[in-house]
Amino acid sequence: MSVKFLWYPKCSTCKKAKKWLEDNGIQFEERDIKEDNPSFEELSEWYGHSGLPLKKFFNTSGLKYKELGLKDKLPEMTDDEQLRLLSTDGMLVKRPLLITGDKVLTGFREAEWKSLIE
């Protein structure tokens, strides 16, 4: 199984998630979300596979999200506009992201990750 792990190395939750992957012997492809932010095409595909509301892909507690006033702007934007915005800056994207085949998880909740990997 191919596992992609998108993270921000300075994020404590991301560090915890990475340690969990390593402790469980899970091989993964690591990617710094700030240095190599997801493309519009990747985000569109992941969103389509996730079954999650698009808002779950936004880092709603991040400075950039607040600076841009996205809490008020997102409801007025189309999915396409939101995905394009996400693709402009990795710091807008909820992290960590775990992608396995056609499954996608945002954030780190150990029970969800465990059920996805098993």
PDB file of N, CA and C in Angstrom:
ATOM      1  N   MET A   1       0.846  -1.184   0.000  1.00  0.00           N
ATOM      2  CA  MET A   1       0.000   0.000   0.000  1.00  0.00           C
ATOM      3  C   MET A   1       0.886   1.239   0.000  1.00  0.00           C
ATOM      4  N   SER A   2       0.568   2.163  -0.886  1.00  0.00           N
ATOM      5  CA  SER A   2       1.297   3.426  -0.974  1.00  0.00           C
ATOM      6  C   SER A   2       0.684   4.429  -0.003  1.00  0.00           C
ATOM      7  N   VAL A   3       1.526   5.014   0.846  1.00  0.00           N
ATOM      8  CA  VAL A   3       1.054   5.974   1.837  1.00  0.00           C
ATOM      9  C   VAL A   3       1.806   7.292   1.657  1.00  0.00           C
ATOM     10  N   LYS A   4       1.041   8.362   1.465  1.00  0.00           N
ATOM     11  CA  LYS A   4       1.627   9.702   1.396  1.00  0.00           C
ATOM     12  C   LYS A   4       1.320  10.411   2.702  1.00  0.00           C
ATOM     13  N   PHE A   5       2.331  11.105   3.216  1.00  0.00           N
ATOM     14  CA  PHE A   5       2.202  11.833   4.471  1.00  0.00           C
ATOM     15  C   PHE A   5       2.658  13.266   4.228  1.00  0.00           C
ATOM     16  N   LEU A   6       1.700  14.183   4.249  1.00  0.00           N
ATOM     17  CA  LEU A   6       2.014  15.600   4.061  1.00  0.00           C
ATOM     18  C   LEU A   6       1.967  16.263   5.414  1.00  0.00           C
ATOM     19  N   TRP A   7       3.044  16.977   5.742  1.00  0.00           N
ATOM     20  CA  TRP A   7       3.154  17.551   7.083  1.00  0.00           C
ATOM     21  C   TRP A   7       3.937  18.832   7.071  1.00  0.00           C
ATOM     22  N   TYR A   8       3.897  19.524   8.204  1.00  0.00           N
ATOM     23  CA  TYR A   8       4.714  20.716   8.426  1.00  0.00           C
ATOM     24  C   TYR A   8       5.623  20.367   9.599  1.00  0.00           C
ATOM     25  N   PRO A   9       6.938  20.260   9.369  1.00  0.00           N
ATOM     26  CA  PRO A   9       7.863  19.775  10.399  1.00  0.00           C
ATOM     27  C   PRO A   9       7.852  20.531  11.735  1.00  0.00           C
ATOM     28  N   LYS A  10       7.388  21.776  11.737  1.00  0.00           N
ATOM     29  CA  LYS A  10       7.362  22.538  12.994  1.00  0.00           C
ATOM     30  C   LYS A  10       6.069  22.329  13.785  1.00  0.00           C
ATOM     31  N   CYS A  11       5.142  21.587  13.226  1.00  0.00           N
ATOM     32  CA  CYS A  11       3.836  21.345  13.847  1.00  0.00           C
ATOM     33  C   CYS A  11       3.919  20.163  14.809  1.00  0.00           C
ATOM     34  N   SER A  12       3.530  20.374  16.057  1.00  0.00           N
ATOM     35  CA  SER A  12       3.637  19.314  17.067  1.00  0.00           C
ATOM     36  C   SER A  12       2.705  18.137  16.754  1.00  0.00           C
ATOM     37  N   THR A  13       1.525  18.406  16.244  1.00  0.00           N
ATOM     38  CA  THR A  13       0.608  17.321  15.885  1.00  0.00           C
ATOM     39  C   THR A  13       1.186  16.501  14.736  1.00  0.00           C
ATOM     40  N   CYS A  14       1.818  17.175  13.796  1.00  0.00           N
ATOM     41  CA  CYS A  14       2.445  16.473  12.665  1.00  0.00           C
ATOM     42  C   CYS A  14       3.583  15.576  13.152  1.00  0.00           C
ATOM     43  N   LYS A  15       4.378  16.078  14.092  1.00  0.00           N
ATOM     44  CA  LYS A  15       5.481  15.286  14.646  1.00  0.00           C
ATOM     45  C   LYS A  15       4.936  14.038  15.331  1.00  0.00           C
ATOM     46  N   LYS A  16       3.849  14.212  16.068  1.00  0.00           N
ATOM     47  CA  LYS A  16       3.212  13.089  16.765  1.00  0.00           C
ATOM     48  C   LYS A  16       2.713  12.056  15.751  1.00  0.00           C
ATOM     49  N   ALA A  17       2.109  12.534  14.654  1.00  0.00           N
ATOM     50  CA  ALA A  17       1.602  11.643  13.607  1.00  0.00           C
ATOM     51  C   ALA A  17       2.745  10.877  12.931  1.00  0.00           C
ATOM     52  N   LYS A  18       3.829  11.579  12.650  1.00  0.00           N
ATOM     53  CA  LYS A  18       4.982  10.928  12.014  1.00  0.00           C
ATOM     54  C   LYS A  18       5.553   9.847  12.922  1.00  0.00           C
ATOM     55  N   LYS A  19       5.665  10.151  14.205  1.00  0.00           N
ATOM     56  CA  LYS A  19       6.159   9.167  15.172  1.00  0.00           C
ATOM     57  C   LYS A  19       5.235   7.950  15.209  1.00  0.00           C
ATOM     58  N   TRP A  20       3.937   8.193  15.152  1.00  0.00           N
ATOM     59  CA  TRP A  20       2.970   7.096  15.163  1.00  0.00           C
ATOM     60  C   TRP A  20       3.184   6.200  13.940  1.00  0.00           C
ATOM     61  N   LEU A  21       3.358   6.797  12.774  1.00  0.00           N
ATOM     62  CA  LEU A  21       3.607   6.014  11.560  1.00  0.00           C
ATOM     63  C   LEU A  21       4.873   5.173  11.711  1.00  0.00           C
ATOM     64  N   GLU A  22       5.935   5.803  12.192  1.00  0.00           N
ATOM     65  CA  GLU A  22       7.211   5.099  12.371  1.00  0.00           C
ATOM     66  C   GLU A  22       7.089   3.994  13.412  1.00  0.00           C
ATOM     67  N   ASP A  23       6.445   4.287  14.543  1.00  0.00           N
ATOM     68  CA  ASP A  23       6.281   3.291  15.608  1.00  0.00           C
ATOM     69  C   ASP A  23       5.462   2.090  15.153  1.00  0.00           C
ATOM     70  N   ASN A  24       4.593   2.300  14.185  1.00  0.00           N
ATOM     71  CA  ASN A  24       3.759   1.215  13.680  1.00  0.00           C
ATOM     72  C   ASN A  24       4.339   0.565  12.425  1.00  0.00           C
ATOM     73  N   GLY A  25       5.575   0.923  12.095  1.00  0.00           N
ATOM     74  CA  GLY A  25       6.276   0.289  10.985  1.00  0.00           C
ATOM     75  C   GLY A  25       5.657   0.555   9.624  1.00  0.00           C
ATOM     76  N   ILE A  26       5.014   1.706   9.480  1.00  0.00           N
ATOM     77  CA  ILE A  26       4.346   2.029   8.220  1.00  0.00           C
ATOM     78  C   ILE A  26       5.302   2.810   7.313  1.00  0.00           C
ATOM     79  N   GLN A  27       5.524   2.262   6.133  1.00  0.00           N
ATOM     80  CA  GLN A  27       6.358   2.933   5.132  1.00  0.00           C
ATOM     81  C   GLN A  27       5.542   4.061   4.514  1.00  0.00           C
ATOM     82  N   PHE A  28       6.150   5.230   4.381  1.00  0.00           N
ATOM     83  CA  PHE A  28       5.409   6.350   3.812  1.00  0.00           C
ATOM     84  C   PHE A  28       6.327   7.284   3.054  1.00  0.00           C
ATOM     85  N   GLU A  29       5.719   7.994   2.128  1.00  0.00           N
ATOM     86  CA  GLU A  29       6.404   9.036   1.371  1.00  0.00           C
ATOM     87  C   GLU A  29       6.091  10.352   2.070  1.00  0.00           C
ATOM     88  N   GLU A  30       7.125  11.023   2.515  1.00  0.00           N
ATOM     89  CA  GLU A  30       6.989  12.243   3.313  1.00  0.00           C
ATOM     90  C   GLU A  30       7.107  13.483   2.436  1.00  0.00           C
ATOM     91  N   ARG A  31       6.283  14.480   2.748  1.00  0.00           N
ATOM     92  CA  ARG A  31       6.314  15.719   1.962  1.00  0.00           C
ATOM     93  C   ARG A  31       6.008  16.916   2.870  1.00  0.00           C
ATOM     94  N   ASP A  32       6.887  17.904   2.836  1.00  0.00           N
ATOM     95  CA  ASP A  32       6.709  19.128   3.611  1.00  0.00           C
ATOM     96  C   ASP A  32       5.666  19.988   2.904  1.00  0.00           C
ATOM     97  N   ILE A  33       4.549  20.202   3.565  1.00  0.00           N
ATOM     98  CA  ILE A  33       3.412  20.893   2.951  1.00  0.00           C
ATOM     99  C   ILE A  33       3.692  22.366   2.663  1.00  0.00           C
ATOM    100  N   LYS A  34       4.643  22.947   3.397  1.00  0.00           N
ATOM    101  CA  LYS A  34       4.975  24.351   3.165  1.00  0.00           C
ATOM    102  C   LYS A  34       5.936  24.494   1.977  1.00  0.00           C
ATOM    103  N   GLU A  35       6.907  23.597   1.893  1.00  0.00           N
ATOM    104  CA  GLU A  35       7.908  23.643   0.819  1.00  0.00           C
ATOM    105  C   GLU A  35       7.362  23.133  -0.517  1.00  0.00           C
ATOM    106  N   ASP A  36       6.430  22.190  -0.450  1.00  0.00           N
ATOM    107  CA  ASP A  36       5.897  21.560  -1.664  1.00  0.00           C
ATOM    108  C   ASP A  36       4.384  21.424  -1.484  1.00  0.00           C
ATOM    109  N   ASN A  37       3.687  22.581  -1.585  1.00  0.00           N
ATOM    110  CA  ASN A  37       2.256  22.541  -1.317  1.00  0.00           C
ATOM    111  C   ASN A  37       1.507  21.756  -2.390  1.00  0.00           C
ATOM    112  N   PRO A  38       0.386  21.158  -2.007  1.00  0.00           N
ATOM    113  CA  PRO A  38      -0.380  20.354  -2.965  1.00  0.00           C
ATOM    114  C   PRO A  38      -0.894  21.206  -4.126  1.00  0.00           C
ATOM    115  N   SER A  39      -0.933  20.601  -5.287  1.00  0.00           N
ATOM    116  CA  SER A  39      -1.432  21.284  -6.484  1.00  0.00           C
ATOM    117  C   SER A  39      -2.963  21.256  -6.488  1.00  0.00           C
ATOM    118  N   PHE A  40      -3.530  22.088  -7.348  1.00  0.00           N
ATOM    119  CA  PHE A  40      -4.982  22.101  -7.530  1.00  0.00           C
ATOM    120  C   PHE A  40      -5.483  20.703  -7.915  1.00  0.00           C
ATOM    121  N   GLU A  41      -4.766  20.039  -8.815  1.00  0.00           N
ATOM    122  CA  GLU A  41      -5.167  18.714  -9.283  1.00  0.00           C
ATOM    123  C   GLU A  41      -5.138  17.697  -8.149  1.00  0.00           C
ATOM    124  N   GLU A  42      -4.059  17.724  -7.345  1.00  0.00           N
ATOM    125  CA  GLU A  42      -3.971  16.795  -6.212  1.00  0.00           C
ATOM    126  C   GLU A  42      -5.103  17.043  -5.223  1.00  0.00           C
ATOM    127  N   LEU A  43      -5.296  18.297  -4.854  1.00  0.00           N
ATOM    128  CA  LEU A  43      -6.343  18.633  -3.886  1.00  0.00           C
ATOM    129  C   LEU A  43      -7.719  18.231  -4.398  1.00  0.00           C
ATOM    130  N   SER A  44      -7.971  18.449  -5.682  1.00  0.00           N
ATOM    131  CA  SER A  44      -9.259  18.068  -6.271  1.00  0.00           C
ATOM    132  C   SER A  44      -9.476  16.564  -6.160  1.00  0.00           C
ATOM    133  N   GLU A  45      -8.432  15.811  -6.483  1.00  0.00           N
ATOM    134  CA  GLU A  45      -8.528  14.346  -6.412  1.00  0.00           C
ATOM    135  C   GLU A  45      -8.739  13.890  -4.967  1.00  0.00           C
ATOM    136  N   TRP A  46      -7.934  14.419  -4.049  1.00  0.00           N
ATOM    137  CA  TRP A  46      -8.045  14.010  -2.652  1.00  0.00           C
ATOM    138  C   TRP A  46      -9.398  14.376  -2.060  1.00  0.00           C
ATOM    139  N   TYR A  47      -9.867  15.558  -2.384  1.00  0.00           N
ATOM    140  CA  TYR A  47     -11.183  15.991  -1.909  1.00  0.00           C
ATOM    141  C   TYR A  47     -12.260  15.034  -2.418  1.00  0.00           C
ATOM    142  N   GLY A  48     -12.168  14.675  -3.683  1.00  0.00           N
ATOM    143  CA  GLY A  48     -13.134  13.750  -4.276  1.00  0.00           C
ATOM    144  C   GLY A  48     -13.144  12.392  -3.605  1.00  0.00           C
ATOM    145  N   HIS A  49     -11.977  11.913  -3.177  1.00  0.00           N
ATOM    146  CA  HIS A  49     -11.871  10.600  -2.533  1.00  0.00           C
ATOM    147  C   HIS A  49     -12.214  10.638  -1.049  1.00  0.00           C
ATOM    148  N   SER A  50     -12.101  11.797  -0.445  1.00  0.00           N
ATOM    149  CA  SER A  50     -12.175  11.873   1.022  1.00  0.00           C
ATOM    150  C   SER A  50     -13.566  11.682   1.602  1.00  0.00           C
ATOM    151  N   GLY A  51     -14.588  12.146   0.880  1.00  0.00           N
ATOM    152  CA  GLY A  51     -15.932  12.110   1.441  1.00  0.00           C
ATOM    153  C   GLY A  51     -16.131  13.179   2.511  1.00  0.00           C
ATOM    154  N   LEU A  52     -15.146  14.058   2.667  1.00  0.00           N
ATOM    155  CA  LEU A  52     -15.197  15.113   3.684  1.00  0.00           C
ATOM    156  C   LEU A  52     -15.720  16.418   3.090  1.00  0.00           C
ATOM    157  N   PRO A  53     -16.315  17.263   3.951  1.00  0.00           N
ATOM    158  CA  PRO A  53     -16.643  18.605   3.472  1.00  0.00           C
ATOM    159  C   PRO A  53     -15.337  19.336   3.140  1.00  0.00           C
ATOM    160  N   LEU A  54     -15.358  20.186   2.146  1.00  0.00           N
ATOM    161  CA  LEU A  54     -14.137  20.877   1.712  1.00  0.00           C
ATOM    162  C   LEU A  54     -13.518  21.700   2.838  1.00  0.00           C
ATOM    163  N   LYS A  55     -14.325  22.229   3.727  1.00  0.00           N
ATOM    164  CA  LYS A  55     -13.804  23.038   4.836  1.00  0.00           C
ATOM    165  C   LYS A  55     -12.804  22.245   5.687  1.00  0.00           C
ATOM    166  N   LYS A  56     -12.941  20.913   5.729  1.00  0.00           N
ATOM    167  CA  LYS A  56     -12.019  20.069   6.507  1.00  0.00           C
ATOM    168  C   LYS A  56     -10.599  20.093   5.946  1.00  0.00           C
ATOM    169  N   PHE A  57     -10.431  20.589   4.725  1.00  0.00           N
ATOM    170  CA  PHE A  57      -9.101  20.682   4.126  1.00  0.00           C
ATOM    171  C   PHE A  57      -8.409  21.999   4.483  1.00  0.00           C
ATOM    172  N   PHE A  58      -9.126  22.896   5.132  1.00  0.00           N
ATOM    173  CA  PHE A  58      -8.552  24.184   5.518  1.00  0.00           C
ATOM    174  C   PHE A  58      -8.028  24.136   6.943  1.00  0.00           C
ATOM    175  N   ASN A  59      -6.866  24.740   7.147  1.00  0.00           N
ATOM    176  CA  ASN A  59      -6.272  24.889   8.471  1.00  0.00           C
ATOM    177  C   ASN A  59      -6.947  26.093   9.130  1.00  0.00           C
ATOM    178  N   THR A  60      -8.121  25.858   9.703  1.00  0.00           N
ATOM    179  CA  THR A  60      -8.947  26.956  10.221  1.00  0.00           C
ATOM    180  C   THR A  60      -8.340  27.649  11.443  1.00  0.00           C
ATOM    181  N   SER A  61      -7.362  27.034  12.067  1.00  0.00           N
ATOM    182  CA  SER A  61      -6.717  27.683  13.216  1.00  0.00           C
ATOM    183  C   SER A  61      -5.425  28.400  12.820  1.00  0.00           C
ATOM    184  N   GLY A  62      -5.080  28.349  11.529  1.00  0.00           N
ATOM    185  CA  GLY A  62      -3.839  28.957  11.053  1.00  0.00           C
ATOM    186  C   GLY A  62      -3.919  30.468  10.903  1.00  0.00           C
ATOM    187  N   LEU A  63      -2.766  31.109  10.996  1.00  0.00           N
ATOM    188  CA  LEU A  63      -2.682  32.564  10.867  1.00  0.00           C
ATOM    189  C   LEU A  63      -3.142  33.041   9.489  1.00  0.00           C
ATOM    190  N   LYS A  64      -2.723  32.330   8.464  1.00  0.00           N
ATOM    191  CA  LYS A  64      -3.051  32.713   7.087  1.00  0.00           C
ATOM    192  C   LYS A  64      -4.571  32.693   6.871  1.00  0.00           C
ATOM    193  N   TYR A  65      -5.227  31.662   7.397  1.00  0.00           N
ATOM    194  CA  TYR A  65      -6.685  31.524   7.288  1.00  0.00           C
ATOM    195  C   TYR A  65      -7.366  32.743   7.911  1.00  0.00           C
ATOM    196  N   LYS A  66      -6.875  33.119   9.084  1.00  0.00           N
ATOM    197  CA  LYS A  66      -7.457  34.265   9.802  1.00  0.00           C
ATOM    198  C   LYS A  66      -7.137  35.587   9.107  1.00  0.00           C
ATOM    199  N   GLU A  67      -5.892  35.741   8.657  1.00  0.00           N
ATOM    200  CA  GLU A  67      -5.477  36.963   7.950  1.00  0.00           C
ATOM    201  C   GLU A  67      -6.353  37.233   6.729  1.00  0.00           C
ATOM    202  N   LEU A  68      -6.689  36.176   6.006  1.00  0.00           N
ATOM    203  CA  LEU A  68      -7.465  36.310   4.777  1.00  0.00           C
ATOM    204  C   LEU A  68      -8.978  36.407   5.040  1.00  0.00           C
ATOM    205  N   GLY A  69      -9.370  36.266   6.307  1.00  0.00           N
ATOM    206  CA  GLY A  69     -10.793  36.350   6.648  1.00  0.00           C
ATOM    207  C   GLY A  69     -11.623  35.249   6.001  1.00  0.00           C
ATOM    208  N   LEU A  70     -11.056  34.054   5.914  1.00  0.00           N
ATOM    209  CA  LEU A  70     -11.711  32.977   5.174  1.00  0.00           C
ATOM    210  C   LEU A  70     -12.967  32.434   5.847  1.00  0.00           C
ATOM    211  N   LYS A  71     -13.087  32.623   7.141  1.00  0.00           N
ATOM    212  CA  LYS A  71     -14.290  32.156   7.830  1.00  0.00           C
ATOM    213  C   LYS A  71     -15.538  32.749   7.163  1.00  0.00           C
ATOM    214  N   ASP A  72     -15.445  34.013   6.789  1.00  0.00           N
ATOM    215  CA  ASP A  72     -16.578  34.693   6.154  1.00  0.00           C
ATOM    216  C   ASP A  72     -16.604  34.524   4.640  1.00  0.00           C
ATOM    217  N   LYS A  73     -15.440  34.313   4.032  1.00  0.00           N
ATOM    218  CA  LYS A  73     -15.360  34.246   2.568  1.00  0.00           C
ATOM    219  C   LYS A  73     -15.680  32.863   1.989  1.00  0.00           C
ATOM    220  N   LEU A  74     -15.301  31.794   2.694  1.00  0.00           N
ATOM    221  CA  LEU A  74     -15.469  30.441   2.144  1.00  0.00           C
ATOM    222  C   LEU A  74     -16.905  30.108   1.751  1.00  0.00           C
ATOM    223  N   PRO A  75     -17.898  30.465   2.574  1.00  0.00           N
ATOM    224  CA  PRO A  75     -19.277  30.114   2.195  1.00  0.00           C
ATOM    225  C   PRO A  75     -19.720  30.729   0.860  1.00  0.00           C
ATOM    226  N   GLU A  76     -19.088  31.818   0.455  1.00  0.00           N
ATOM    227  CA  GLU A  76     -19.441  32.494  -0.797  1.00  0.00           C
ATOM    228  C   GLU A  76     -18.662  31.958  -1.996  1.00  0.00           C
ATOM    229  N   MET A  77     -17.653  31.122  -1.729  1.00  0.00           N
ATOM    230  CA  MET A  77     -16.781  30.632  -2.793  1.00  0.00           C
ATOM    231  C   MET A  77     -17.241  29.265  -3.297  1.00  0.00           C
ATOM    232  N   THR A  78     -17.018  29.002  -4.590  1.00  0.00           N
ATOM    233  CA  THR A  78     -17.310  27.680  -5.144  1.00  0.00           C
ATOM    234  C   THR A  78     -16.228  26.703  -4.682  1.00  0.00           C
ATOM    235  N   ASP A  79     -16.495  25.411  -4.832  1.00  0.00           N
ATOM    236  CA  ASP A  79     -15.485  24.397  -4.499  1.00  0.00           C
ATOM    237  C   ASP A  79     -14.224  24.629  -5.314  1.00  0.00           C
ATOM    238  N   ASP A  80     -14.393  24.922  -6.583  1.00  0.00           N
ATOM    239  CA  ASP A  80     -13.260  25.156  -7.475  1.00  0.00           C
ATOM    240  C   ASP A  80     -12.406  26.330  -6.966  1.00  0.00           C
ATOM    241  N   GLU A  81     -13.048  27.414  -6.569  1.00  0.00           N
ATOM    242  CA  GLU A  81     -12.322  28.579  -6.048  1.00  0.00           C
ATOM    243  C   GLU A  81     -11.598  28.236  -4.751  1.00  0.00           C
ATOM    244  N   GLN A  82     -12.242  27.467  -3.902  1.00  0.00           N
ATOM    245  CA  GLN A  82     -11.611  27.074  -2.645  1.00  0.00           C
ATOM    246  C   GLN A  82     -10.391  26.179  -2.887  1.00  0.00           C
ATOM    247  N   LEU A  83     -10.514  25.241  -3.788  1.00  0.00           N
ATOM    248  CA  LEU A  83      -9.395  24.347  -4.108  1.00  0.00           C
ATOM    249  C   LEU A  83      -8.237  25.122  -4.720  1.00  0.00           C
ATOM    250  N   ARG A  84      -8.554  26.079  -5.581  1.00  0.00           N
ATOM    251  CA  ARG A  84      -7.493  26.913  -6.173  1.00  0.00           C
ATOM    252  C   ARG A  84      -6.786  27.722  -5.092  1.00  0.00           C
ATOM    253  N   LEU A  85      -7.539  28.256  -4.152  1.00  0.00           N
ATOM    254  CA  LEU A  85      -6.950  29.009  -3.046  1.00  0.00           C
ATOM    255  C   LEU A  85      -6.046  28.108  -2.201  1.00  0.00           C
ATOM    256  N   LEU A  86      -6.519  26.913  -1.872  1.00  0.00           N
ATOM    257  CA  LEU A  86      -5.711  25.966  -1.092  1.00  0.00           C
ATOM    258  C   LEU A  86      -4.393  25.655  -1.794  1.00  0.00           C
ATOM    259  N   SER A  87      -4.434  25.573  -3.104  1.00  0.00           N
ATOM    260  CA  SER A  87      -3.228  25.195  -3.858  1.00  0.00           C
ATOM    261  C   SER A  87      -2.187  26.312  -3.916  1.00  0.00           C
ATOM    262  N   THR A  88      -2.533  27.511  -3.447  1.00  0.00           N
ATOM    263  CA  THR A  88      -1.588  28.627  -3.494  1.00  0.00           C
ATOM    264  C   THR A  88      -0.638  28.661  -2.309  1.00  0.00           C
ATOM    265  N   ASP A  89      -1.009  27.992  -1.199  1.00  0.00           N
ATOM    266  CA  ASP A  89      -0.200  28.090   0.013  1.00  0.00           C
ATOM    267  C   ASP A  89      -0.449  26.884   0.918  1.00  0.00           C
ATOM    268  N   GLY A  90       0.592  26.078   1.115  1.00  0.00           N
ATOM    269  CA  GLY A  90       0.474  24.886   1.950  1.00  0.00           C
ATOM    270  C   GLY A  90       0.056  25.174   3.379  1.00  0.00           C
ATOM    271  N   MET A  91       0.293  26.401   3.850  1.00  0.00           N
ATOM    272  CA  MET A  91      -0.070  26.739   5.224  1.00  0.00           C
ATOM    273  C   MET A  91      -1.589  26.911   5.392  1.00  0.00           C
ATOM    274  N   LEU A  92      -2.317  26.977   4.293  1.00  0.00           N
ATOM    275  CA  LEU A  92      -3.780  27.030   4.360  1.00  0.00           C
ATOM    276  C   LEU A  92      -4.385  25.634   4.525  1.00  0.00           C
ATOM    277  N   VAL A  93      -3.602  24.613   4.215  1.00  0.00           N
ATOM    278  CA  VAL A  93      -4.098  23.239   4.189  1.00  0.00           C
ATOM    279  C   VAL A  93      -4.000  22.597   5.572  1.00  0.00           C
ATOM    280  N   LYS A  94      -5.092  21.932   5.968  1.00  0.00           N
ATOM    281  CA  LYS A  94      -5.116  21.195   7.239  1.00  0.00           C
ATOM    282  C   LYS A  94      -4.038  20.122   7.187  1.00  0.00           C
ATOM    283  N   ARG A  95      -3.335  19.981   8.261  1.00  0.00           N
ATOM    284  CA  ARG A  95      -2.259  18.996   8.319  1.00  0.00           C
ATOM    285  C   ARG A  95      -2.287  18.248   9.637  1.00  0.00           C
ATOM    286  N   PRO A  96      -1.678  17.103   9.672  1.00  0.00           N
ATOM    287  CA  PRO A  96      -1.112  16.374   8.539  1.00  0.00           C
ATOM    288  C   PRO A  96      -2.211  15.783   7.655  1.00  0.00           C
ATOM    289  N   LEU A  97      -1.801  15.433   6.458  1.00  0.00           N
ATOM    290  CA  LEU A  97      -2.673  14.732   5.516  1.00  0.00           C
ATOM    291  C   LEU A  97      -2.113  13.333   5.327  1.00  0.00           C
ATOM    292  N   LEU A  98      -2.991  12.341   5.343  1.00  0.00           N
ATOM    293  CA  LEU A  98      -2.591  10.965   5.097  1.00  0.00           C
ATOM    294  C   LEU A  98      -3.395  10.476   3.901  1.00  0.00           C
ATOM    295  N   ILE A  99      -2.692  10.038   2.867  1.00  0.00           N
ATOM    296  CA  ILE A  99      -3.348   9.590   1.644  1.00  0.00           C
ATOM    297  C   ILE A  99      -2.898   8.171   1.338  1.00  0.00           C
ATOM    298  N   THR A 100      -3.866   7.267   1.228  1.00  0.00           N
ATOM    299  CA  THR A 100      -3.577   5.882   0.850  1.00  0.00           C
ATOM    300  C   THR A 100      -4.550   5.494  -0.237  1.00  0.00           C
ATOM    301  N   GLY A 101      -4.040   5.321  -1.439  1.00  0.00           N
ATOM    302  CA  GLY A 101      -4.916   4.946  -2.545  1.00  0.00           C
ATOM    303  C   GLY A 101      -6.034   5.947  -2.711  1.00  0.00           C
ATOM    304  N   ASP A 102      -7.264   5.493  -2.429  1.00  0.00           N
ATOM    305  CA  ASP A 102      -8.415   6.381  -2.592  1.00  0.00           C
ATOM    306  C   ASP A 102      -8.985   6.866  -1.256  1.00  0.00           C
ATOM    307  N   LYS A 103      -8.213   6.775  -0.193  1.00  0.00           N
ATOM    308  CA  LYS A 103      -8.639   7.252   1.127  1.00  0.00           C
ATOM    309  C   LYS A 103      -7.773   8.427   1.550  1.00  0.00           C
ATOM    310  N   VAL A 104      -8.416   9.418   2.174  1.00  0.00           N
ATOM    311  CA  VAL A 104      -7.713  10.629   2.599  1.00  0.00           C
ATOM    312  C   VAL A 104      -8.194  11.031   3.979  1.00  0.00           C
ATOM    313  N   LEU A 105      -7.241  11.331   4.867  1.00  0.00           N
ATOM    314  CA  LEU A 105      -7.572  11.837   6.198  1.00  0.00           C
ATOM    315  C   LEU A 105      -6.872  13.170   6.420  1.00  0.00           C
ATOM    316  N   THR A 106      -7.587  14.100   7.056  1.00  0.00           N
ATOM    317  CA  THR A 106      -7.000  15.395   7.407  1.00  0.00           C
ATOM    318  C   THR A 106      -6.892  15.457   8.922  1.00  0.00           C
ATOM    319  N   GLY A 107      -5.774  16.001   9.410  1.00  0.00           N
ATOM    320  CA  GLY A 107      -5.558  16.050  10.850  1.00  0.00           C
ATOM    321  C   GLY A 107      -5.136  14.682  11.356  1.00  0.00           C
ATOM    322  N   PHE A 108      -4.739  14.626  12.633  1.00  0.00           N
ATOM    323  CA  PHE A 108      -4.300  13.347  13.191  1.00  0.00           C
ATOM    324  C   PHE A 108      -5.222  12.925  14.334  1.00  0.00           C
ATOM    325  N   ARG A 109      -5.976  11.865  14.068  1.00  0.00           N
ATOM    326  CA  ARG A 109      -6.774  11.206  15.093  1.00  0.00           C
ATOM    327  C   ARG A 109      -6.376   9.740  14.999  1.00  0.00           C
ATOM    328  N   GLU A 110      -5.660   9.281  15.999  1.00  0.00           N
ATOM    329  CA  GLU A 110      -5.031   7.963  15.950  1.00  0.00           C
ATOM    330  C   GLU A 110      -5.997   6.847  15.561  1.00  0.00           C
ATOM    331  N   ALA A 111      -7.189   6.836  16.119  1.00  0.00           N
ATOM    332  CA  ALA A 111      -8.143   5.767  15.823  1.00  0.00           C
ATOM    333  C   ALA A 111      -8.506   5.732  14.333  1.00  0.00           C
ATOM    334  N   GLU A 112      -8.696   6.915  13.738  1.00  0.00           N
ATOM    335  CA  GLU A 112      -9.016   6.974  12.301  1.00  0.00           C
ATOM    336  C   GLU A 112      -7.844   6.478  11.470  1.00  0.00           C
ATOM    337  N   TRP A 113      -6.644   6.912  11.831  1.00  0.00           N
ATOM    338  CA  TRP A 113      -5.459   6.495  11.076  1.00  0.00           C
ATOM    339  C   TRP A 113      -5.274   4.982  11.182  1.00  0.00           C
ATOM    340  N   LYS A 114      -5.470   4.454  12.377  1.00  0.00           N
ATOM    341  CA  LYS A 114      -5.301   3.018  12.592  1.00  0.00           C
ATOM    342  C   LYS A 114      -6.287   2.237  11.722  1.00  0.00           C
ATOM    343  N   SER A 115      -7.546   2.655  11.687  1.00  0.00           N
ATOM    344  CA  SER A 115      -8.545   1.931  10.889  1.00  0.00           C
ATOM    345  C   SER A 115      -8.244   2.039   9.394  1.00  0.00           C
ATOM    346  N   LEU A 116      -7.684   3.158   8.963  1.00  0.00           N
ATOM    347  CA  LEU A 116      -7.340   3.328   7.546  1.00  0.00           C
ATOM    348  C   LEU A 116      -6.182   2.417   7.147  1.00  0.00           C
ATOM    349  N   ILE A 117      -5.175   2.328   8.002  1.00  0.00           N
ATOM    350  CA  ILE A 117      -3.981   1.542   7.692  1.00  0.00           C
ATOM    351  C   ILE A 117      -4.264   0.040   7.781  1.00  0.00           C
ATOM    352  N   GLU A 118      -5.127  -0.353   8.678  1.00  0.00           N
ATOM    353  CA  GLU A 118      -5.424  -1.804   8.834  1.00  0.00           C
ATOM    354  C   GLU A 118      -6.371  -2.217   7.792  1.00  0.00           C
TER     355      GLU A 118
END
